[in-house]
């Protein structure tokens, strides 16, 4: 995949992430019961999983996972030249490059 933003250009993904953050922050306020302006009805629904880009490899220096093999959370940015990646929760450096 050649796109550093993994299919969604920054002008599209950043406002969506800001909106998600604002909604979650509002929900986190004790006693808050916000009602969204726009709702989509969904019937016969269930929780499912789908594949999202992530990194797998030998990790070291993660603040809450011991060193060794691991899988990251969803990948939002990947720069092969700078050897940097950003997931939902943190930055990663892959000094030896991608396999």
C-alpha atoms as a PDB file:
ATOM      1  CA  UNK A   1       0.000   0.000   0.000  1.00  0.00           C
ATOM      2  CA  UNK A   2       1.626   3.228  -1.157  1.00  0.00           C
ATOM      3  CA  UNK A   3      -0.680   5.669   0.630  1.00  0.00           C
ATOM      4  CA  UNK A   4       0.770   6.791   3.994  1.00  0.00           C
ATOM      5  CA  UNK A   5      -2.776   7.456   5.222  1.00  0.00           C
ATOM      6  CA  UNK A   6      -3.919   3.932   4.301  1.00  0.00           C
ATOM      7  CA  UNK A   7      -6.681   4.857   1.891  1.00  0.00           C
ATOM      8  CA  UNK A   8      -8.198   7.898   3.585  1.00  0.00           C
ATOM      9  CA  UNK A   9      -6.476  11.230   2.912  1.00  0.00           C
ATOM     10  CA  UNK A  10      -5.836  13.411   5.975  1.00  0.00           C
ATOM     11  CA  UNK A  11      -8.478  15.979   5.004  1.00  0.00           C
ATOM     12  CA  UNK A  12     -11.067  13.190   5.326  1.00  0.00           C
ATOM     13  CA  UNK A  13      -9.847  11.128   8.288  1.00  0.00           C
ATOM     14  CA  UNK A  14      -8.825  13.944  10.661  1.00  0.00           C
ATOM     15  CA  UNK A  15     -12.271  15.596  10.939  1.00  0.00           C
ATOM     16  CA  UNK A  16     -13.828  12.155  11.482  1.00  0.00           C
ATOM     17  CA  UNK A  17     -11.388  11.369  14.279  1.00  0.00           C
ATOM     18  CA  UNK A  18     -11.998  14.798  15.866  1.00  0.00           C
ATOM     19  CA  UNK A  19     -15.747  14.195  15.727  1.00  0.00           C
ATOM     20  CA  UNK A  20     -15.344  10.752  17.303  1.00  0.00           C
ATOM     21  CA  UNK A  21     -13.188  12.223  20.073  1.00  0.00           C
ATOM     22  CA  UNK A  22     -15.712  15.006  20.757  1.00  0.00           C
ATOM     23  CA  UNK A  23     -18.582  12.517  20.966  1.00  0.00           C
ATOM     24  CA  UNK A  24     -16.664  10.206  23.314  1.00  0.00           C
ATOM     25  CA  UNK A  25     -15.592  13.117  25.527  1.00  0.00           C
ATOM     26  CA  UNK A  26     -19.208  14.250  25.793  1.00  0.00           C
ATOM     27  CA  UNK A  27     -20.318  10.727  26.732  1.00  0.00           C
ATOM     28  CA  UNK A  28     -17.630  10.580  29.426  1.00  0.00           C
ATOM     29  CA  UNK A  29     -19.121  13.531  31.332  1.00  0.00           C
ATOM     30  CA  UNK A  30     -20.977  12.151  34.384  1.00  0.00           C
ATOM     31  CA  UNK A  31     -24.725  12.463  33.935  1.00  0.00           C
ATOM     32  CA  UNK A  32     -24.408  13.331  30.259  1.00  0.00           C
ATOM     33  CA  UNK A  33     -26.955  11.790  27.923  1.00  0.00           C
ATOM     34  CA  UNK A  34     -26.324  13.445  24.571  1.00  0.00           C
ATOM     35  CA  UNK A  35     -28.739  12.714  21.763  1.00  0.00           C
ATOM     36  CA  UNK A  36     -27.099  12.793  18.326  1.00  0.00           C
ATOM     37  CA  UNK A  37     -28.696  15.018  15.686  1.00  0.00           C
ATOM     38  CA  UNK A  38     -28.453  12.402  12.987  1.00  0.00           C
ATOM     39  CA  UNK A  39     -29.173   8.734  13.622  1.00  0.00           C
ATOM     40  CA  UNK A  40     -29.251   5.763  11.293  1.00  0.00           C
ATOM     41  CA  UNK A  41     -31.690   2.980  12.124  1.00  0.00           C
ATOM     42  CA  UNK A  42     -30.251  -0.527  12.021  1.00  0.00           C
ATOM     43  CA  UNK A  43     -32.317  -3.698  12.364  1.00  0.00           C
ATOM     44  CA  UNK A  44     -31.308  -7.293  13.002  1.00  0.00           C
ATOM     45  CA  UNK A  45     -27.858  -6.105  13.984  1.00  0.00           C
ATOM     46  CA  UNK A  46     -25.068  -7.893  15.824  1.00  0.00           C
ATOM     47  CA  UNK A  47     -21.486  -7.158  16.811  1.00  0.00           C
ATOM     48  CA  UNK A  48     -18.982  -8.427  14.247  1.00  0.00           C
ATOM     49  CA  UNK A  49     -15.277  -8.091  13.494  1.00  0.00           C
ATOM     50  CA  UNK A  50     -13.579  -6.953  10.338  1.00  0.00           C
ATOM     51  CA  UNK A  51      -9.990  -6.794   9.214  1.00  0.00           C
ATOM     52  CA  UNK A  52      -8.159  -3.507   9.671  1.00  0.00           C
ATOM     53  CA  UNK A  53      -4.526  -2.657   8.921  1.00  0.00           C
ATOM     54  CA  UNK A  54      -2.158  -3.280  11.817  1.00  0.00           C
ATOM     55  CA  UNK A  55       1.480  -4.177  12.418  1.00  0.00           C
ATOM     56  CA  UNK A  56       2.760  -7.520  13.674  1.00  0.00           C
ATOM     57  CA  UNK A  57       6.288  -8.067  14.900  1.00  0.00           C
ATOM     58  CA  UNK A  58       8.748  -8.201  17.773  1.00  0.00           C
ATOM     59  CA  UNK A  59       8.048  -5.250  20.054  1.00  0.00           C
ATOM     60  CA  UNK A  60      10.288  -3.650  22.629  1.00  0.00           C
ATOM     61  CA  UNK A  61       9.679  -0.689  24.881  1.00  0.00           C
ATOM     62  CA  UNK A  62       5.882  -0.843  24.876  1.00  0.00           C
ATOM     63  CA  UNK A  63       4.586   0.769  28.083  1.00  0.00           C
ATOM     64  CA  UNK A  64       2.079  -1.965  28.936  1.00  0.00           C
ATOM     65  CA  UNK A  65       3.048  -5.071  26.943  1.00  0.00           C
ATOM     66  CA  UNK A  66       6.155  -7.114  27.629  1.00  0.00           C
ATOM     67  CA  UNK A  67       8.843  -7.284  24.964  1.00  0.00           C
ATOM     68  CA  UNK A  68       8.285  -9.959  22.344  1.00  0.00           C
ATOM     69  CA  UNK A  69       5.830 -10.785  19.575  1.00  0.00           C
ATOM     70  CA  UNK A  70       2.744  -8.620  19.325  1.00  0.00           C
ATOM     71  CA  UNK A  71       0.062  -7.024  17.193  1.00  0.00           C
ATOM     72  CA  UNK A  72      -0.737  -3.315  17.208  1.00  0.00           C
ATOM     73  CA  UNK A  73      -4.125  -1.658  17.273  1.00  0.00           C
ATOM     74  CA  UNK A  74      -5.564  -0.226  14.043  1.00  0.00           C
ATOM     75  CA  UNK A  75      -2.976   1.458  11.860  1.00  0.00           C
ATOM     76  CA  UNK A  76      -3.783   5.011  10.742  1.00  0.00           C
ATOM     77  CA  UNK A  77      -0.470   6.197   9.265  1.00  0.00           C
ATOM     78  CA  UNK A  78       2.535   4.424   7.771  1.00  0.00           C
ATOM     79  CA  UNK A  79       5.641   6.159   6.404  1.00  0.00           C
ATOM     80  CA  UNK A  80       8.138   3.695   4.946  1.00  0.00           C
ATOM     81  CA  UNK A  81      10.779   6.366   4.238  1.00  0.00           C
ATOM     82  CA  UNK A  82      10.787   7.702   7.790  1.00  0.00           C
ATOM     83  CA  UNK A  83      10.138   4.190   9.177  1.00  0.00           C
ATOM     84  CA  UNK A  84       7.301   5.456  11.364  1.00  0.00           C
ATOM     85  CA  UNK A  85       3.784   4.241  11.977  1.00  0.00           C
ATOM     86  CA  UNK A  86       0.899   5.621  14.043  1.00  0.00           C
ATOM     87  CA  UNK A  87      -1.836   3.432  15.439  1.00  0.00           C
ATOM     88  CA  UNK A  88      -4.888   4.544  17.338  1.00  0.00           C
ATOM     89  CA  UNK A  89      -2.907   4.612  20.575  1.00  0.00           C
ATOM     90  CA  UNK A  90       0.782   5.281  19.839  1.00  0.00           C
ATOM     91  CA  UNK A  91       3.727   5.746  17.492  1.00  0.00           C
ATOM     92  CA  UNK A  92       5.942   2.858  16.337  1.00  0.00           C
ATOM     93  CA  UNK A  93       9.381   2.876  14.751  1.00  0.00           C
ATOM     94  CA  UNK A  94      10.508   0.015  12.521  1.00  0.00           C
ATOM     95  CA  UNK A  95      14.258   0.577  12.213  1.00  0.00           C
ATOM     96  CA  UNK A  96      14.845  -2.543  10.144  1.00  0.00           C
ATOM     97  CA  UNK A  97      12.064  -1.634   7.724  1.00  0.00           C
ATOM     98  CA  UNK A  98       8.998  -3.588   6.753  1.00  0.00           C
ATOM     99  CA  UNK A  99       9.213  -7.183   5.631  1.00  0.00           C
END
